[in-house]
Structure formats: C-alpha cells, structure tokens
Protein backbone atom coordinates (compact mmCIF):
# COMPACT_ATOMS: atom_id res chain seq x y z
CA MET A 1 116.99 12.29 102.77
CA ARG A 2 115.98 15.76 101.57
CA PHE A 3 115.70 14.62 97.92
CA LEU A 4 113.54 11.66 98.96
CA CYS A 5 111.19 13.95 100.89
CA ILE A 6 110.78 16.20 97.80
CA LEU A 7 109.95 13.14 95.69
CA VAL A 8 107.29 12.02 98.24
CA LEU A 9 105.85 15.62 98.29
CA ILE A 10 105.66 15.65 94.44
CA ALA A 11 104.05 12.22 94.30
CA GLY A 12 101.44 13.31 96.87
CA ALA A 13 100.57 16.37 94.93
CA ALA A 14 100.24 14.33 91.72
CA ILE A 15 97.97 11.78 93.33
CA GLY A 16 95.89 14.09 95.54
CA ILE A 17 95.50 17.26 93.31
CA PHE A 18 96.57 16.73 89.73
CA TYR A 19 94.99 13.15 89.24
CA PRO A 20 91.40 14.15 90.30
CA TRP A 21 91.63 17.44 88.34
CA ALA A 22 92.76 15.66 85.17
CA MET A 23 90.18 12.94 85.41
CA SER A 24 87.36 15.51 85.90
CA ASN A 25 88.41 17.80 83.15
CA PHE A 26 90.10 15.66 80.52
CA SER A 27 88.97 11.99 80.69
CA GLY A 28 86.56 10.92 77.99
CA HIS A 29 85.52 13.15 75.16
CA ALA A 30 83.43 16.32 74.86
CA ILE A 31 79.73 16.12 73.99
CA GLY A 32 79.25 19.86 73.92
CA THR A 33 79.18 23.20 75.66
CA TYR A 34 75.87 25.01 76.10
CA ARG A 35 75.27 28.62 77.17
CA VAL A 36 72.53 28.49 79.89
CA TYR A 37 72.79 32.06 81.25
CA GLU A 38 73.52 35.32 79.42
CA GLY A 39 72.08 38.76 79.47
CA GLY A 40 70.47 38.30 82.83
CA ARG A 41 68.34 35.31 81.79
CA PHE A 42 68.59 31.57 82.43
CA ARG A 43 67.32 29.18 79.75
CA PRO A 44 67.07 25.34 79.71
CA VAL A 45 68.99 23.44 77.15
CA THR A 46 68.38 20.07 75.59
CA ALA A 47 71.19 17.60 74.71
CA GLN A 48 70.72 14.34 72.81
CA LEU A 49 72.51 11.60 74.67
CA ALA A 50 73.24 8.00 73.63
CA ALA A 51 73.69 4.93 75.81
CA GLY A 52 77.38 4.77 74.71
CA ASP A 53 77.93 8.21 76.18
CA ALA A 54 77.71 6.85 79.76
CA PRO A 55 78.92 7.87 82.18
CA VAL A 56 78.34 11.55 81.41
CA ARG A 57 80.12 14.06 83.62
CA VAL A 58 78.27 17.41 83.99
CA LEU A 59 80.46 20.55 84.62
CA VAL A 60 79.44 24.14 84.97
CA ASP A 61 81.58 27.21 84.16
CA LEU A 62 80.55 30.46 85.95
CA THR A 63 81.90 33.77 84.68
CA ALA A 64 81.68 36.34 87.49
CA ARG A 65 83.60 38.85 89.47
CA ALA A 66 86.16 36.91 91.47
CA GLU A 67 85.77 38.74 94.81
CA ARG A 68 82.06 37.79 94.98
CA VAL A 69 82.55 34.08 94.47
CA ALA A 70 85.71 33.53 96.58
CA GLY A 71 84.82 32.27 100.02
CA GLN A 72 81.18 31.85 99.16
CA GLN A 73 79.40 29.35 101.46
CA ARG A 74 75.95 29.39 99.97
CA THR A 75 74.54 27.86 96.86
CA VAL A 76 75.35 29.96 93.76
CA LEU A 77 73.53 27.78 91.15
CA THR A 78 71.21 24.80 91.06
CA LEU A 79 71.08 22.22 88.32
CA THR A 80 68.69 19.44 87.33
CA ALA A 81 68.82 17.01 84.41
CA ALA A 82 65.69 15.20 83.34
CA ALA A 83 64.85 12.61 80.64
CA GLY A 84 61.42 11.04 79.97
CA GLY A 85 59.86 12.90 82.84
CA ARG A 86 62.43 11.52 85.34
CA THR A 87 65.12 13.43 87.15
CA ALA A 88 68.54 11.98 86.22
CA LEU A 89 70.65 14.43 88.25
CA ALA A 90 70.01 17.15 90.79
CA SER A 91 72.84 19.26 92.22
CA THR A 92 73.76 22.50 93.99
CA LEU A 93 76.96 24.35 93.10
CA SER A 94 78.87 26.81 95.35
CA PHE A 95 82.19 27.12 93.50
CA ASN A 96 83.95 27.74 96.81
CA HIS A 97 86.53 25.06 96.28
CA THR A 98 87.98 26.50 93.02
CA ASP A 99 91.55 27.57 93.82
CA ASN A 100 92.67 28.72 90.45
CA PRO A 101 89.90 30.26 88.34
CA ARG A 102 90.66 31.03 84.73
CA GLN A 103 91.05 34.64 83.62
CA VAL A 104 88.77 36.00 80.99
CA SER A 105 90.98 38.95 80.06
CA PRO A 106 93.78 40.82 81.77
CA GLN A 107 91.71 43.99 81.38
CA LEU A 108 88.61 42.57 83.10
CA PRO A 109 88.01 41.66 86.74
CA ASP A 110 85.86 38.66 85.73
CA LYS A 111 87.06 35.07 86.32
CA ILE A 112 85.72 31.69 85.11
CA PHE A 113 84.98 29.27 88.00
CA ARG A 114 84.32 25.62 87.27
CA ASP A 115 82.32 23.23 89.42
CA GLU A 116 81.20 19.69 88.93
CA ALA A 117 77.46 19.02 89.14
CA GLY A 118 77.82 15.29 89.14
CA VAL A 119 77.87 12.23 86.84
CA ILE A 120 74.97 10.54 85.04
CA GLU A 121 76.05 6.93 85.31
CA ALA A 122 73.45 5.26 83.13
CA VAL A 123 72.06 7.05 80.08
CA THR A 124 68.70 6.32 78.47
CA PRO A 125 68.99 7.24 74.85
CA GLY A 126 67.09 10.38 74.02
CA PRO A 127 66.88 14.07 74.87
CA TYR A 128 68.02 15.29 78.28
CA VAL A 129 66.82 18.67 79.49
CA PHE A 130 69.30 20.52 81.73
CA THR A 131 67.90 23.38 83.84
CA VAL A 132 70.20 25.76 85.70
CA GLY A 133 68.93 28.36 87.99
CA PRO A 134 70.10 30.77 90.79
CA GLY A 135 70.74 29.60 94.33
CA ASP A 136 70.42 31.49 97.56
CA ALA A 137 73.76 33.33 97.41
CA ASP A 138 73.47 37.13 97.22
CA GLY A 139 75.50 39.60 95.27
CA ILE A 140 76.86 37.28 92.63
CA ASP A 141 77.39 39.41 89.51
CA MET A 142 77.13 36.68 86.89
CA ARG A 143 78.16 37.44 83.32
CA ALA A 144 77.66 34.00 81.74
CA VAL A 145 77.03 30.35 82.78
CA ASP A 146 78.09 27.46 80.47
CA LEU A 147 77.14 23.77 80.76
CA ILE A 148 79.88 21.27 79.73
CA LEU A 149 79.01 17.61 79.11
CA ARG A 150 81.74 14.97 78.76
CA ALA A 151 81.05 11.38 77.70
CA GLY A 152 82.82 8.20 78.70
CA THR A 153 84.60 9.83 81.65
CA ALA A 154 86.47 7.64 84.04
CA SER A 155 85.51 7.77 87.73
CA VAL A 156 87.96 9.20 90.23
CA ASP A 157 89.18 6.73 92.93
CA GLU A 158 87.88 8.12 96.20
CA ARG A 159 91.06 6.92 97.98
CA ALA A 160 93.32 9.05 95.82
CA GLN A 161 92.92 12.39 97.55
CA PRO A 162 93.38 11.09 101.10
CA VAL A 163 96.45 9.12 100.14
CA GLY A 164 97.86 12.05 98.16
CA TYR A 165 97.35 14.48 100.97
CA GLY A 166 98.87 12.02 103.40
CA LEU A 167 102.02 11.69 101.23
CA MET A 168 102.21 15.54 100.91
CA GLY A 169 102.11 15.78 104.69
CA ILE A 170 104.84 13.14 105.11
CA GLY A 171 107.02 14.75 102.47
CA LEU A 172 106.60 18.23 103.96
CA ALA A 173 107.28 17.05 107.51
CA GLY A 174 110.38 15.16 106.40
CA LEU A 175 111.65 18.13 104.45
CA VAL A 176 111.29 20.48 107.41
CA LEU A 177 112.91 17.94 109.74
CA SER A 178 115.84 17.53 107.41
CA LEU A 179 116.33 21.29 107.24
CA VAL A 180 116.32 21.54 111.04
CA VAL A 181 118.76 18.70 111.49
CA GLY A 182 121.05 20.20 108.89
CA ARG A 183 121.18 23.50 110.73
CA ARG A 184 121.89 21.87 114.05
CA GLY A 185 124.69 19.80 112.57
CA GLY A 186 126.75 22.87 112.02
CA GLY A 187 127.32 22.35 108.33
CA HIS A 188 130.28 20.51 106.75
CA PRO A 189 133.24 19.39 108.85
CA GLN A 190 136.21 21.71 108.72
CA ASN A 191 139.06 20.85 106.25
CA PRO A 192 142.35 20.51 108.20
CA ASN A 193 144.22 21.71 105.11
CA SER A 194 142.41 25.05 105.40
CA GLN A 195 144.18 25.87 108.68
CA PRO A 196 146.81 28.67 108.54
CA PRO A 197 150.46 27.41 108.68
CA PRO A 198 152.24 27.43 112.11
CA PRO A 199 154.57 30.35 112.89
CA ARG A 200 158.09 30.14 111.42
CA TRP A 201 161.01 29.81 113.89
CA GLY A 202 164.52 31.15 113.77
CA ARG A 203 167.77 29.20 113.58
CA ASN A 204 168.16 28.75 117.34
CA GLY A 205 164.56 27.57 117.87
CA SER A 206 163.35 30.93 119.10
CA PRO A 207 160.72 32.94 117.27
CA ARG A 208 161.90 35.83 115.13
CA ALA A 209 161.68 39.26 116.67
C-alpha cells in the first residue's frame, strides 16, 4: 500500500511538474540567445525566422537580486514581437512562479529567473523585432535580461498539470493514511517464541526455594 502511494506520488510529480518544465525548456532546438538589457539600457533585437521554425517558443531570463523578485505580483518586464509591421506576440512577465532560480555564482546574491513570454505558432519568413521593456514593478535591481528563442517546440498538454497535481494529492493522502493505520495497528504481532521460559519446578512439583 505504502509503496503504491509513493509510485502514484512520483508519477504525479513527473506529469504535473517535470513534463511541462522539460517541454518548455528542452523540446525543439535553439535558435539563439540575445542580450536585450545590460548596463542599465534596454535594446531591441532582430532575429531572422523561417517558416520551418514554427512554433517558436519565447523565453526570457532575468538576472537580478533574488529577494526583489520573489513574491513579486506586478509586471517586471513587457515583451512584444513584430514582423512586417504586425505584432506577432505581446506578453507581460512577472517571474513570480519561478520556484528554483539558477545561481549565477556562490559569491553573488544574484539569481537567474526564467519566464515564458509565449509561443509564435505561425511564422512568416523574415526578420522579427523583439522589444523588451520594464513593467510597473518597483525596486527590481536588474543585472541582465536575455531573450531565448527555441524552434519546433512541442506544445504542452493543458490537461497534464491538473492530472499530475491530482495524482500527487492522491499519493500523498494515501501515504499519510497508511502511516496512520500502521501506527494504530500496534506494529508486528508478537512472536510466541520470544516469551521467557516458564519457572522450573522441583522434584515434588513445588517451586524451588
């Protein structure tokens, strides 16, 4: 029972957490990484995209002090992508759901937070201009911002996370229940062979003095 609950818990974590993360970060192939903010200045970048690159996943890495970003509810960055005078993607990024930011260096307090700006489903061949700017969040001490483009990325099934979280809840509840039942059961039954031997009697059937 307990082993089965652990398996359900692991399966739920794989479906609800690892699968969306792996699809977002590793599916498809990299087009390029572009520095859009450094030295206190934002600058637009141009990337040449081909029709075969679709769908293109747009990711943003923010290097900043961790305590300023954690728990942030406002928009930290805005992003637009345009081609041929048309907006192909517009997004706001808050980075508030990043549980495990990457560490820049053990000696520095800065962390790298990643957020997904969205996916460009259909690509018109030609140059795409990506413009990243500040949001309305205050006190974000940004060191650098990088734009990451990945081509041919697979889409994440929207049902994966609810199913995964549901399995995690079932596995955790079953594990807790099995622990409670095990404690109430009093452990293993006592071995009769472990009882001390009966007292020895004398020749006349009376106990020795």
